[in-house]
Amino acid sequence: MNSQTTVTGVILAGGLARRMNHQDKGLMHYKGRPMVSYAVAALASVAGQSLINANRNREQYQAFGLPVVADQTGTFDGPLAGVLTAMIFTDAEVLVVVPCDSPLIKAEHLQKLLSSLTENDADAAVASDGERLHPVFLAIKTSLKSSLQAYLDSGQRKIDRWLEQQKMVKADFSNEPEIFTNINTLTELSELEALAEK
């Protein structure tokens, strides 16, 4: 990123969390803090401003001091709906996107996504652990808004399929794949807590 590029951080917290008994994952605690707070902290030094995409518990998310916006496509339409919503609500040139349920992510990882975007003159930089993509860890140009709107309007929702249609680069995190650990069940949350205590 050059110093003139404007960046907005986006925390995706808009899902239904079916595997978590519909509990709101971002508000559940990991190491004594709501999981969303780790995303807020990671974005603080890489984005000029940030927002939270949430379709429920909006007042609780507002307590983190960031704007909270619901999907503009309806509700619970998946991560791309959250990305499009952020594009609608910001004038920034670039979004850096993280999920609310991956507490191991840090600012340096998000900076690497932004650097990959710039260095490769790409429209989207997606995190890769060397074996698979993690498309909700993403730096993306807001100039793709019309393409994304058309994709969602056509009834499609798969984030990886849409990203493959763009000028995309993979950001290599194969040396630390554990940072993409996301919490989908109460068991996974307990296991991650146990690992952190070792």
N, C-alpha and C. Protein backbone atom coordinates (compact mmCIF):
# COMPACT_ATOMS: atom_id res chain seq x y z
N MET A 1 0.84 -1.19 0.00
CA MET A 1 0.00 0.00 0.00
C MET A 1 0.88 1.25 0.00
N ASN A 2 0.54 2.19 -0.86
CA ASN A 2 1.24 3.45 -0.72
C ASN A 2 0.52 4.29 0.35
N SER A 3 1.15 5.35 0.77
CA SER A 3 0.62 6.10 1.91
C SER A 3 -0.70 6.79 1.58
N GLN A 4 -1.04 6.88 0.29
CA GLN A 4 -2.27 7.56 -0.10
C GLN A 4 -3.47 6.61 -0.17
N THR A 5 -3.22 5.31 -0.15
CA THR A 5 -4.30 4.35 -0.29
C THR A 5 -5.11 4.29 1.00
N THR A 6 -6.43 4.37 0.85
CA THR A 6 -7.29 4.31 2.02
C THR A 6 -7.77 2.87 2.23
N VAL A 7 -7.75 2.44 3.48
CA VAL A 7 -8.07 1.05 3.83
C VAL A 7 -9.14 1.04 4.91
N THR A 8 -10.17 0.25 4.70
CA THR A 8 -11.18 0.00 5.72
C THR A 8 -11.11 -1.46 6.14
N GLY A 9 -11.13 -1.69 7.43
CA GLY A 9 -11.17 -3.05 7.96
C GLY A 9 -12.61 -3.52 8.09
N VAL A 10 -12.81 -4.80 7.82
CA VAL A 10 -14.15 -5.38 7.87
C VAL A 10 -14.10 -6.66 8.70
N ILE A 11 -14.91 -6.73 9.73
CA ILE A 11 -15.02 -7.95 10.54
C ILE A 11 -16.34 -8.62 10.21
N LEU A 12 -16.27 -9.84 9.71
CA LEU A 12 -17.47 -10.58 9.33
C LEU A 12 -18.04 -11.30 10.55
N ALA A 13 -19.20 -10.85 10.98
CA ALA A 13 -19.88 -11.46 12.14
C ALA A 13 -21.36 -11.65 11.82
N GLY A 14 -21.65 -11.90 10.55
CA GLY A 14 -23.05 -11.90 10.12
C GLY A 14 -23.70 -13.25 10.02
N GLY A 15 -22.99 -14.34 10.41
CA GLY A 15 -23.52 -15.68 10.20
C GLY A 15 -24.49 -16.13 11.29
N LEU A 16 -25.04 -17.33 11.05
CA LEU A 16 -26.01 -17.90 11.97
C LEU A 16 -25.37 -18.81 13.02
N ALA A 17 -24.11 -19.23 12.79
CA ALA A 17 -23.39 -20.09 13.74
C ALA A 17 -24.20 -21.33 14.10
N ARG A 18 -24.67 -22.03 13.08
CA ARG A 18 -25.49 -23.22 13.32
C ARG A 18 -24.76 -24.27 14.15
N ARG A 19 -23.45 -24.46 13.87
CA ARG A 19 -22.70 -25.49 14.59
C ARG A 19 -22.35 -25.08 16.01
N MET A 20 -22.61 -23.82 16.33
CA MET A 20 -22.35 -23.31 17.69
C MET A 20 -23.68 -23.12 18.42
N ASN A 21 -24.69 -23.92 18.03
CA ASN A 21 -26.03 -23.81 18.63
C ASN A 21 -26.59 -22.39 18.49
N HIS A 22 -26.21 -21.75 17.39
CA HIS A 22 -26.68 -20.40 17.06
C HIS A 22 -26.20 -19.33 18.04
N GLN A 23 -25.25 -19.67 18.89
CA GLN A 23 -24.64 -18.62 19.72
C GLN A 23 -23.78 -17.73 18.83
N ASP A 24 -23.74 -16.46 19.14
CA ASP A 24 -22.99 -15.51 18.31
C ASP A 24 -21.49 -15.67 18.59
N LYS A 25 -20.77 -16.21 17.61
CA LYS A 25 -19.37 -16.60 17.86
C LYS A 25 -18.48 -15.42 18.24
N GLY A 26 -18.68 -14.30 17.59
CA GLY A 26 -17.83 -13.16 17.87
C GLY A 26 -17.91 -12.68 19.31
N LEU A 27 -19.03 -12.94 19.95
CA LEU A 27 -19.24 -12.49 21.33
C LEU A 27 -18.85 -13.54 22.36
N MET A 28 -18.52 -14.74 21.91
CA MET A 28 -18.07 -15.78 22.84
C MET A 28 -16.63 -15.51 23.23
N HIS A 29 -16.25 -15.95 24.41
CA HIS A 29 -14.95 -15.58 24.97
C HIS A 29 -13.87 -16.62 24.67
N TYR A 30 -12.71 -16.11 24.30
CA TYR A 30 -11.48 -16.90 24.17
C TYR A 30 -10.42 -16.20 25.02
N LYS A 31 -9.85 -16.91 25.97
CA LYS A 31 -8.85 -16.33 26.88
C LYS A 31 -9.38 -15.06 27.54
N GLY A 32 -10.64 -15.12 27.96
CA GLY A 32 -11.22 -14.04 28.74
C GLY A 32 -11.73 -12.84 27.97
N ARG A 33 -11.67 -12.90 26.65
CA ARG A 33 -12.12 -11.76 25.83
C ARG A 33 -13.04 -12.25 24.73
N PRO A 34 -14.01 -11.43 24.31
CA PRO A 34 -14.83 -11.80 23.17
C PRO A 34 -13.94 -12.01 21.94
N MET A 35 -14.26 -13.03 21.17
CA MET A 35 -13.40 -13.33 20.02
C MET A 35 -13.30 -12.17 19.04
N VAL A 36 -14.37 -11.41 18.88
CA VAL A 36 -14.32 -10.30 17.93
C VAL A 36 -13.27 -9.27 18.34
N SER A 37 -12.94 -9.18 19.64
CA SER A 37 -11.98 -8.17 20.08
C SER A 37 -10.59 -8.41 19.50
N TYR A 38 -10.27 -9.66 19.18
CA TYR A 38 -8.97 -9.95 18.58
C TYR A 38 -8.90 -9.40 17.15
N ALA A 39 -10.01 -9.50 16.44
CA ALA A 39 -10.06 -8.93 15.09
C ALA A 39 -10.00 -7.41 15.14
N VAL A 40 -10.70 -6.81 16.09
CA VAL A 40 -10.66 -5.35 16.26
C VAL A 40 -9.22 -4.89 16.49
N ALA A 41 -8.50 -5.59 17.36
CA ALA A 41 -7.12 -5.21 17.67
C ALA A 41 -6.20 -5.39 16.47
N ALA A 42 -6.38 -6.49 15.73
CA ALA A 42 -5.51 -6.75 14.57
C ALA A 42 -5.69 -5.70 13.49
N LEU A 43 -6.90 -5.21 13.34
CA LEU A 43 -7.17 -4.22 12.28
C LEU A 43 -6.74 -2.80 12.67
N ALA A 44 -6.62 -2.55 13.95
CA ALA A 44 -6.44 -1.17 14.42
C ALA A 44 -5.26 -0.46 13.78
N SER A 45 -4.15 -1.18 13.55
CA SER A 45 -2.96 -0.51 13.02
C SER A 45 -2.80 -0.62 11.51
N VAL A 46 -3.70 -1.35 10.84
CA VAL A 46 -3.55 -1.51 9.39
C VAL A 46 -4.66 -0.81 8.60
N ALA A 47 -5.74 -0.46 9.28
CA ALA A 47 -6.88 0.16 8.59
C ALA A 47 -7.15 1.54 9.18
N GLY A 48 -7.47 2.49 8.31
CA GLY A 48 -7.80 3.82 8.78
C GLY A 48 -9.09 3.85 9.58
N GLN A 49 -10.00 2.96 9.21
CA GLN A 49 -11.25 2.81 9.94
C GLN A 49 -11.68 1.36 9.79
N SER A 50 -12.55 0.91 10.66
CA SER A 50 -13.06 -0.46 10.57
C SER A 50 -14.55 -0.46 10.86
N LEU A 51 -15.20 -1.53 10.43
CA LEU A 51 -16.61 -1.73 10.73
C LEU A 51 -16.87 -3.21 10.97
N ILE A 52 -17.98 -3.49 11.62
CA ILE A 52 -18.39 -4.86 11.90
C ILE A 52 -19.66 -5.14 11.12
N ASN A 53 -19.65 -6.22 10.36
CA ASN A 53 -20.84 -6.68 9.64
C ASN A 53 -21.55 -7.71 10.53
N ALA A 54 -22.70 -7.33 11.07
CA ALA A 54 -23.45 -8.23 11.96
C ALA A 54 -24.94 -8.10 11.68
N ASN A 55 -25.62 -9.23 11.71
CA ASN A 55 -27.06 -9.24 11.45
C ASN A 55 -27.90 -9.45 12.71
N ARG A 56 -27.24 -9.62 13.85
CA ARG A 56 -27.94 -9.76 15.13
C ARG A 56 -27.01 -9.25 16.23
N ASN A 57 -27.56 -9.05 17.40
CA ASN A 57 -26.77 -8.55 18.56
C ASN A 57 -25.99 -7.28 18.21
N ARG A 58 -26.61 -6.43 17.43
CA ARG A 58 -25.88 -5.25 16.94
C ARG A 58 -25.48 -4.30 18.07
N GLU A 59 -26.34 -4.18 19.09
CA GLU A 59 -26.00 -3.28 20.20
C GLU A 59 -24.76 -3.79 20.94
N GLN A 60 -24.65 -5.10 21.09
CA GLN A 60 -23.47 -5.65 21.77
C GLN A 60 -22.20 -5.41 20.95
N TYR A 61 -22.31 -5.52 19.64
CA TYR A 61 -21.14 -5.24 18.79
C TYR A 61 -20.77 -3.76 18.79
N GLN A 62 -21.77 -2.90 18.94
CA GLN A 62 -21.47 -1.47 18.96
C GLN A 62 -20.62 -1.09 20.17
N ALA A 63 -20.62 -1.93 21.20
CA ALA A 63 -19.81 -1.65 22.39
C ALA A 63 -18.31 -1.64 22.08
N PHE A 64 -17.92 -2.18 20.91
CA PHE A 64 -16.50 -2.19 20.55
C PHE A 64 -16.07 -0.91 19.86
N GLY A 65 -16.99 0.04 19.75
CA GLY A 65 -16.64 1.37 19.26
C GLY A 65 -16.53 1.51 17.76
N LEU A 66 -17.05 0.53 17.03
CA LEU A 66 -17.00 0.58 15.57
C LEU A 66 -18.42 0.62 15.00
N PRO A 67 -18.59 1.19 13.80
CA PRO A 67 -19.89 1.10 13.15
C PRO A 67 -20.28 -0.37 12.93
N VAL A 68 -21.54 -0.68 13.11
CA VAL A 68 -22.06 -2.03 12.90
C VAL A 68 -23.09 -1.96 11.79
N VAL A 69 -22.89 -2.73 10.73
CA VAL A 69 -23.78 -2.69 9.56
C VAL A 69 -24.29 -4.08 9.25
N ALA A 70 -25.57 -4.18 8.94
CA ALA A 70 -26.19 -5.45 8.57
C ALA A 70 -26.10 -5.65 7.06
N ASP A 71 -26.20 -6.90 6.63
CA ASP A 71 -26.19 -7.21 5.20
C ASP A 71 -27.21 -6.36 4.47
N GLN A 72 -26.79 -5.80 3.34
CA GLN A 72 -27.69 -5.00 2.52
C GLN A 72 -28.43 -5.84 1.48
N THR A 73 -28.14 -7.14 1.45
CA THR A 73 -28.74 -8.02 0.46
C THR A 73 -29.92 -8.80 1.03
N GLY A 74 -30.35 -8.49 2.22
CA GLY A 74 -31.20 -9.39 3.01
C GLY A 74 -30.31 -9.78 4.17
N THR A 75 -30.55 -10.90 4.79
CA THR A 75 -29.69 -11.30 5.91
C THR A 75 -29.22 -12.72 5.74
N PHE A 76 -28.07 -12.99 6.32
CA PHE A 76 -27.47 -14.32 6.37
C PHE A 76 -27.21 -14.88 4.97
N ASP A 77 -26.66 -14.02 4.10
CA ASP A 77 -26.34 -14.43 2.73
C ASP A 77 -24.88 -14.82 2.56
N GLY A 78 -24.17 -14.99 3.66
CA GLY A 78 -22.79 -15.45 3.57
C GLY A 78 -21.78 -14.32 3.55
N PRO A 79 -20.49 -14.68 3.53
CA PRO A 79 -19.44 -13.67 3.68
C PRO A 79 -19.41 -12.64 2.55
N LEU A 80 -19.76 -13.04 1.34
CA LEU A 80 -19.73 -12.05 0.24
C LEU A 80 -20.73 -10.93 0.46
N ALA A 81 -21.86 -11.25 1.10
CA ALA A 81 -22.83 -10.19 1.41
C ALA A 81 -22.23 -9.19 2.38
N GLY A 82 -21.42 -9.68 3.33
CA GLY A 82 -20.75 -8.78 4.25
C GLY A 82 -19.72 -7.92 3.56
N VAL A 83 -18.99 -8.51 2.61
CA VAL A 83 -17.99 -7.75 1.84
C VAL A 83 -18.68 -6.66 1.02
N LEU A 84 -19.77 -7.02 0.34
CA LEU A 84 -20.50 -6.04 -0.45
C LEU A 84 -21.05 -4.93 0.44
N THR A 85 -21.58 -5.28 1.58
CA THR A 85 -22.10 -4.28 2.51
C THR A 85 -21.01 -3.28 2.90
N ALA A 86 -19.82 -3.80 3.18
CA ALA A 86 -18.71 -2.91 3.53
C ALA A 86 -18.36 -1.99 2.36
N MET A 87 -18.39 -2.53 1.15
CA MET A 87 -18.10 -1.71 -0.03
C MET A 87 -19.12 -0.58 -0.18
N ILE A 88 -20.35 -0.86 0.19
CA ILE A 88 -21.41 0.16 0.11
C ILE A 88 -21.19 1.26 1.15
N PHE A 89 -20.67 0.88 2.32
CA PHE A 89 -20.59 1.81 3.45
C PHE A 89 -19.25 2.52 3.57
N THR A 90 -18.31 2.28 2.66
CA THR A 90 -17.01 2.95 2.78
C THR A 90 -16.63 3.64 1.48
N ASP A 91 -15.81 4.66 1.62
CA ASP A 91 -15.22 5.32 0.45
C ASP A 91 -13.79 4.87 0.24
N ALA A 92 -13.31 3.94 1.06
CA ALA A 92 -11.93 3.47 0.94
C ALA A 92 -11.70 2.72 -0.37
N GLU A 93 -10.45 2.69 -0.78
CA GLU A 93 -10.09 1.98 -2.02
C GLU A 93 -9.92 0.48 -1.80
N VAL A 94 -9.59 0.11 -0.57
CA VAL A 94 -9.27 -1.29 -0.26
C VAL A 94 -9.95 -1.69 1.04
N LEU A 95 -10.44 -2.93 1.05
CA LEU A 95 -10.93 -3.53 2.28
C LEU A 95 -9.95 -4.61 2.72
N VAL A 96 -9.73 -4.72 4.02
CA VAL A 96 -9.05 -5.89 4.56
C VAL A 96 -10.06 -6.58 5.46
N VAL A 97 -10.32 -7.85 5.14
CA VAL A 97 -11.46 -8.58 5.69
C VAL A 97 -10.97 -9.70 6.60
N VAL A 98 -11.60 -9.83 7.77
CA VAL A 98 -11.30 -10.93 8.69
C VAL A 98 -12.60 -11.44 9.29
N PRO A 99 -12.65 -12.72 9.66
CA PRO A 99 -13.83 -13.23 10.35
C PRO A 99 -13.77 -12.92 11.85
N CYS A 100 -14.90 -13.02 12.51
CA CYS A 100 -14.97 -12.68 13.93
C CYS A 100 -14.50 -13.81 14.83
N ASP A 101 -14.24 -14.99 14.25
CA ASP A 101 -14.03 -16.18 15.08
C ASP A 101 -12.65 -16.81 14.90
N SER A 102 -11.67 -15.99 14.57
CA SER A 102 -10.29 -16.48 14.39
C SER A 102 -9.35 -15.65 15.25
N PRO A 103 -9.28 -15.97 16.54
CA PRO A 103 -8.58 -15.09 17.48
C PRO A 103 -7.06 -15.10 17.38
N LEU A 104 -6.48 -15.94 16.52
CA LEU A 104 -5.02 -15.99 16.42
C LEU A 104 -4.47 -15.02 15.37
N ILE A 105 -5.34 -14.35 14.64
CA ILE A 105 -4.89 -13.43 13.59
C ILE A 105 -4.31 -12.16 14.24
N LYS A 106 -3.25 -11.63 13.62
CA LYS A 106 -2.60 -10.42 14.14
C LYS A 106 -2.41 -9.40 13.02
N ALA A 107 -2.05 -8.19 13.43
CA ALA A 107 -1.87 -7.11 12.47
C ALA A 107 -0.85 -7.46 11.39
N GLU A 108 0.23 -8.13 11.76
CA GLU A 108 1.27 -8.44 10.77
C GLU A 108 0.75 -9.33 9.65
N HIS A 109 -0.21 -10.20 9.96
CA HIS A 109 -0.78 -11.06 8.93
C HIS A 109 -1.64 -10.24 7.96
N LEU A 110 -2.37 -9.29 8.50
CA LEU A 110 -3.21 -8.45 7.65
C LEU A 110 -2.35 -7.51 6.80
N GLN A 111 -1.25 -7.04 7.36
CA GLN A 111 -0.33 -6.21 6.58
C GLN A 111 0.25 -7.00 5.42
N LYS A 112 0.51 -8.28 5.64
CA LYS A 112 1.03 -9.13 4.56
C LYS A 112 0.01 -9.26 3.43
N LEU A 113 -1.26 -9.38 3.78
CA LEU A 113 -2.30 -9.41 2.75
C LEU A 113 -2.30 -8.13 1.93
N LEU A 114 -2.21 -7.00 2.62
CA LEU A 114 -2.21 -5.71 1.92
C LEU A 114 -0.97 -5.57 1.03
N SER A 115 0.16 -6.01 1.53
CA SER A 115 1.40 -5.93 0.74
C SER A 115 1.30 -6.83 -0.50
N SER A 116 0.73 -8.01 -0.35
CA SER A 116 0.58 -8.92 -1.49
C SER A 116 -0.30 -8.30 -2.56
N LEU A 117 -1.34 -7.61 -2.12
CA LEU A 117 -2.24 -6.96 -3.08
C LEU A 117 -1.49 -5.93 -3.91
N THR A 118 -0.69 -5.10 -3.24
CA THR A 118 0.03 -4.03 -3.92
C THR A 118 1.17 -4.56 -4.79
N GLU A 119 1.97 -5.44 -4.22
CA GLU A 119 3.16 -5.92 -4.92
C GLU A 119 2.82 -6.70 -6.19
N ASN A 120 1.65 -7.31 -6.21
CA ASN A 120 1.25 -8.10 -7.38
C ASN A 120 0.25 -7.37 -8.27
N ASP A 121 -0.01 -6.11 -7.95
CA ASP A 121 -0.97 -5.31 -8.71
C ASP A 121 -2.26 -6.09 -8.92
N ALA A 122 -2.72 -6.72 -7.85
CA ALA A 122 -3.91 -7.57 -7.92
C ALA A 122 -5.14 -6.78 -7.48
N ASP A 123 -6.31 -7.36 -7.72
CA ASP A 123 -7.56 -6.79 -7.23
C ASP A 123 -7.99 -7.45 -5.92
N ALA A 124 -7.43 -8.63 -5.65
CA ALA A 124 -7.74 -9.34 -4.41
C ALA A 124 -6.54 -10.17 -4.00
N ALA A 125 -6.22 -10.16 -2.72
CA ALA A 125 -5.17 -11.01 -2.16
C ALA A 125 -5.83 -11.89 -1.11
N VAL A 126 -5.70 -13.20 -1.29
CA VAL A 126 -6.38 -14.17 -0.44
C VAL A 126 -5.34 -14.99 0.31
N ALA A 127 -5.58 -15.23 1.58
CA ALA A 127 -4.64 -16.02 2.38
C ALA A 127 -4.66 -17.48 1.95
N SER A 128 -3.46 -18.08 1.89
CA SER A 128 -3.31 -19.50 1.60
C SER A 128 -2.39 -20.12 2.64
N ASP A 129 -2.76 -21.32 3.13
CA ASP A 129 -1.89 -22.01 4.08
C ASP A 129 -0.95 -22.98 3.38
N GLY A 130 -0.88 -22.87 2.05
CA GLY A 130 -0.03 -23.75 1.26
C GLY A 130 -0.78 -24.92 0.66
N GLU A 131 -1.91 -25.25 1.26
CA GLU A 131 -2.74 -26.34 0.76
C GLU A 131 -4.11 -25.87 0.30
N ARG A 132 -4.64 -24.90 1.02
CA ARG A 132 -5.97 -24.40 0.64
C ARG A 132 -6.08 -22.92 0.92
N LEU A 133 -7.02 -22.30 0.23
CA LEU A 133 -7.29 -20.88 0.43
C LEU A 133 -8.17 -20.68 1.65
N HIS A 134 -8.01 -19.52 2.26
CA HIS A 134 -8.88 -19.10 3.36
C HIS A 134 -9.49 -17.76 2.94
N PRO A 135 -10.56 -17.82 2.12
CA PRO A 135 -11.03 -16.62 1.43
C PRO A 135 -11.67 -15.56 2.31
N VAL A 136 -11.94 -15.85 3.59
CA VAL A 136 -12.46 -14.77 4.44
C VAL A 136 -11.33 -13.99 5.10
N PHE A 137 -10.08 -14.35 4.80
CA PHE A 137 -8.91 -13.52 5.13
C PHE A 137 -8.46 -12.91 3.82
N LEU A 138 -8.76 -11.64 3.64
CA LEU A 138 -8.80 -11.09 2.30
C LEU A 138 -8.47 -9.60 2.29
N ALA A 139 -7.66 -9.18 1.32
CA ALA A 139 -7.52 -7.76 1.00
C ALA A 139 -8.08 -7.59 -0.40
N ILE A 140 -8.95 -6.63 -0.59
CA ILE A 140 -9.69 -6.55 -1.85
C ILE A 140 -10.01 -5.10 -2.21
N LYS A 141 -9.93 -4.79 -3.49
CA LYS A 141 -10.23 -3.45 -3.96
C LYS A 141 -11.74 -3.25 -4.05
N THR A 142 -12.19 -2.09 -3.60
CA THR A 142 -13.63 -1.81 -3.63
C THR A 142 -14.12 -1.53 -5.05
N SER A 143 -13.21 -1.39 -6.00
CA SER A 143 -13.61 -1.23 -7.41
C SER A 143 -14.32 -2.47 -7.95
N LEU A 144 -14.27 -3.58 -7.21
CA LEU A 144 -14.95 -4.81 -7.62
C LEU A 144 -16.42 -4.83 -7.19
N LYS A 145 -16.91 -3.73 -6.64
CA LYS A 145 -18.27 -3.72 -6.10
C LYS A 145 -19.33 -4.12 -7.12
N SER A 146 -19.25 -3.59 -8.34
CA SER A 146 -20.29 -3.91 -9.33
C SER A 146 -20.24 -5.38 -9.74
N SER A 147 -19.03 -5.94 -9.82
CA SER A 147 -18.89 -7.36 -10.13
C SER A 147 -19.50 -8.21 -9.02
N LEU A 148 -19.23 -7.83 -7.79
CA LEU A 148 -19.75 -8.59 -6.65
C LEU A 148 -21.27 -8.46 -6.56
N GLN A 149 -21.78 -7.27 -6.80
CA GLN A 149 -23.23 -7.06 -6.77
C GLN A 149 -23.91 -7.95 -7.82
N ALA A 150 -23.34 -8.00 -9.02
CA ALA A 150 -23.93 -8.81 -10.09
C ALA A 150 -23.90 -10.29 -9.74
N TYR A 151 -22.81 -10.73 -9.13
CA TYR A 151 -22.66 -12.14 -8.74
C TYR A 151 -23.73 -12.52 -7.72
N LEU A 152 -23.91 -11.68 -6.70
CA LEU A 152 -24.92 -11.96 -5.68
C LEU A 152 -26.33 -11.84 -6.25
N ASP A 153 -26.54 -10.88 -7.14
CA ASP A 153 -27.86 -10.72 -7.76
C ASP A 153 -28.24 -11.95 -8.58
N SER A 154 -27.24 -12.66 -9.08
CA SER A 154 -27.50 -13.87 -9.88
C SER A 154 -27.85 -15.06 -9.01
N GLY A 155 -27.80 -14.87 -7.69
CA GLY A 155 -28.16 -15.95 -6.78
C GLY A 155 -26.99 -16.78 -6.30
N GLN A 156 -25.79 -16.42 -6.73
CA GLN A 156 -24.61 -17.18 -6.31
C GLN A 156 -24.07 -16.63 -4.99
N ARG A 157 -23.43 -17.52 -4.22
CA ARG A 157 -22.95 -17.13 -2.90
C ARG A 157 -21.52 -17.58 -2.61
N LYS A 158 -20.97 -18.49 -3.40
CA LYS A 158 -19.67 -19.09 -3.07
C LYS A 158 -18.54 -18.09 -3.25
N ILE A 159 -17.87 -17.79 -2.15
CA ILE A 159 -16.84 -16.75 -2.16
C ILE A 159 -15.63 -17.16 -2.99
N ASP A 160 -15.21 -18.42 -2.89
CA ASP A 160 -14.02 -18.84 -3.63
C ASP A 160 -14.26 -18.79 -5.14
N ARG A 161 -15.46 -19.14 -5.55
CA ARG A 161 -15.78 -19.13 -7.00
C ARG A 161 -15.74 -17.72 -7.55
N TRP A 162 -16.27 -16.76 -6.80
CA TRP A 162 -16.24 -15.37 -7.28
C TRP A 162 -14.80 -14.84 -7.31
N LEU A 163 -14.04 -15.13 -6.26
CA LEU A 163 -12.67 -14.63 -6.22
C LEU A 163 -11.83 -15.17 -7.37
N GLU A 164 -12.08 -16.41 -7.77
CA GLU A 164 -11.34 -17.00 -8.88
C GLU A 164 -11.60 -16.28 -10.20
N GLN A 165 -12.68 -15.53 -10.27
CA GLN A 165 -13.01 -14.78 -11.48
C GLN A 165 -12.31 -13.42 -11.51
N GLN A 166 -11.65 -13.06 -10.42
CA GLN A 166 -11.00 -11.75 -10.32
C GLN A 166 -9.49 -11.90 -10.53
N LYS A 167 -8.83 -10.74 -10.60
CA LYS A 167 -7.36 -10.74 -10.65
C LYS A 167 -6.86 -10.96 -9.23
N MET A 168 -6.66 -12.23 -8.90
CA MET A 168 -6.41 -12.63 -7.52
C MET A 168 -4.99 -13.15 -7.35
N VAL A 169 -4.42 -12.89 -6.18
CA VAL A 169 -3.12 -13.44 -5.83
C VAL A 169 -3.26 -14.16 -4.50
N LYS A 170 -2.51 -15.24 -4.33
CA LYS A 170 -2.50 -15.97 -3.07
C LYS A 170 -1.38 -15.42 -2.20
N ALA A 171 -1.71 -15.06 -0.97
CA ALA A 171 -0.69 -14.64 0.00
C ALA A 171 -0.28 -15.88 0.79
N ASP A 172 1.00 -16.20 0.77
CA ASP A 172 1.49 -17.46 1.31
C ASP A 172 1.74 -17.39 2.82
N PHE A 173 0.95 -18.14 3.56
CA PHE A 173 1.12 -18.25 5.01
C PHE A 173 1.42 -19.70 5.39
N SER A 174 2.08 -20.43 4.50
CA SER A 174 2.30 -21.86 4.74
C SER A 174 3.21 -22.12 5.94
N ASN A 175 3.93 -21.09 6.38
CA ASN A 175 4.81 -21.26 7.55
C ASN A 175 4.05 -21.13 8.88
N GLU A 176 2.82 -20.68 8.84
CA GLU A 176 2.03 -20.55 10.07
C GLU A 176 0.54 -20.77 9.79
N PRO A 177 0.17 -21.95 9.32
CA PRO A 177 -1.23 -22.21 8.95
C PRO A 177 -2.19 -22.14 10.13
N GLU A 178 -1.66 -22.25 11.35
CA GLU A 178 -2.54 -22.27 12.52
C GLU A 178 -3.26 -20.94 12.74
N ILE A 179 -2.77 -19.86 12.14
CA ILE A 179 -3.42 -18.57 12.38
C ILE A 179 -4.83 -18.52 11.84
N PHE A 180 -5.16 -19.46 10.94
CA PHE A 180 -6.50 -19.46 10.34
C PHE A 180 -7.49 -20.32 11.12
N THR A 181 -7.07 -20.78 12.28
CA THR A 181 -7.98 -21.56 13.12
C THR A 181 -9.22 -20.73 13.40
N ASN A 182 -10.37 -21.27 13.00
CA ASN A 182 -11.61 -20.58 13.34
C ASN A 182 -12.47 -21.51 14.18
N ILE A 183 -13.28 -20.93 15.01
CA ILE A 183 -14.04 -21.66 16.01
C ILE A 183 -15.46 -21.85 15.51
N ASN A 184 -15.83 -23.11 15.27
CA ASN A 184 -17.18 -23.41 14.79
C ASN A 184 -18.04 -24.14 15.81
N THR A 185 -17.41 -24.76 16.80
CA THR A 185 -18.17 -25.53 17.79
C THR A 185 -17.63 -25.22 19.19
N LEU A 186 -18.41 -25.54 20.18
CA LEU A 186 -17.97 -25.35 21.56
C LEU A 186 -16.76 -26.23 21.86
N THR A 187 -16.71 -27.41 21.25
CA THR A 187 -15.56 -28.29 21.44
C THR A 187 -14.29 -27.65 20.91
N GLU A 188 -14.36 -27.05 19.71
CA GLU A 188 -13.19 -26.39 19.14
C GLU A 188 -12.73 -25.23 20.01
N LEU A 189 -13.67 -24.52 20.60
CA LEU A 189 -13.31 -23.42 21.48
C LEU A 189 -12.57 -23.94 22.72
N SER A 190 -13.08 -25.03 23.29
CA SER A 190 -12.41 -25.63 24.47
C SER A 190 -11.02 -26.13 24.13
N GLU A 191 -10.88 -26.75 22.95
CA GLU A 191 -9.57 -27.28 22.54
C GLU A 191 -8.57 -26.16 22.33
N LEU A 192 -8.99 -25.07 21.72
CA LEU A 192 -8.08 -23.94 21.49
C LEU A 192 -7.67 -23.30 22.81
N GLU A 193 -8.62 -23.18 23.72
CA GLU A 193 -8.31 -22.64 25.05
C GLU A 193 -7.27 -23.53 25.75
N ALA A 194 -7.44 -24.85 25.64
CA ALA A 194 -6.51 -25.78 26.29
C ALA A 194 -5.10 -25.64 25.70
N LEU A 195 -5.02 -25.47 24.38
CA LEU A 195 -3.71 -25.30 23.73
C LEU A 195 -3.05 -24.00 24.20
N ALA A 196 -3.84 -22.96 24.35
CA ALA A 196 -3.29 -21.66 24.75
C ALA A 196 -2.73 -21.70 26.16
N GLU A 197 -3.23 -22.61 26.97
CA GLU A 197 -2.78 -22.68 28.36
C GLU A 197 -1.50 -23.49 28.52
N LYS A 198 -1.08 -24.20 27.47
CA LYS A 198 0.13 -25.04 27.57
C LYS A 198 1.39 -24.19 27.51
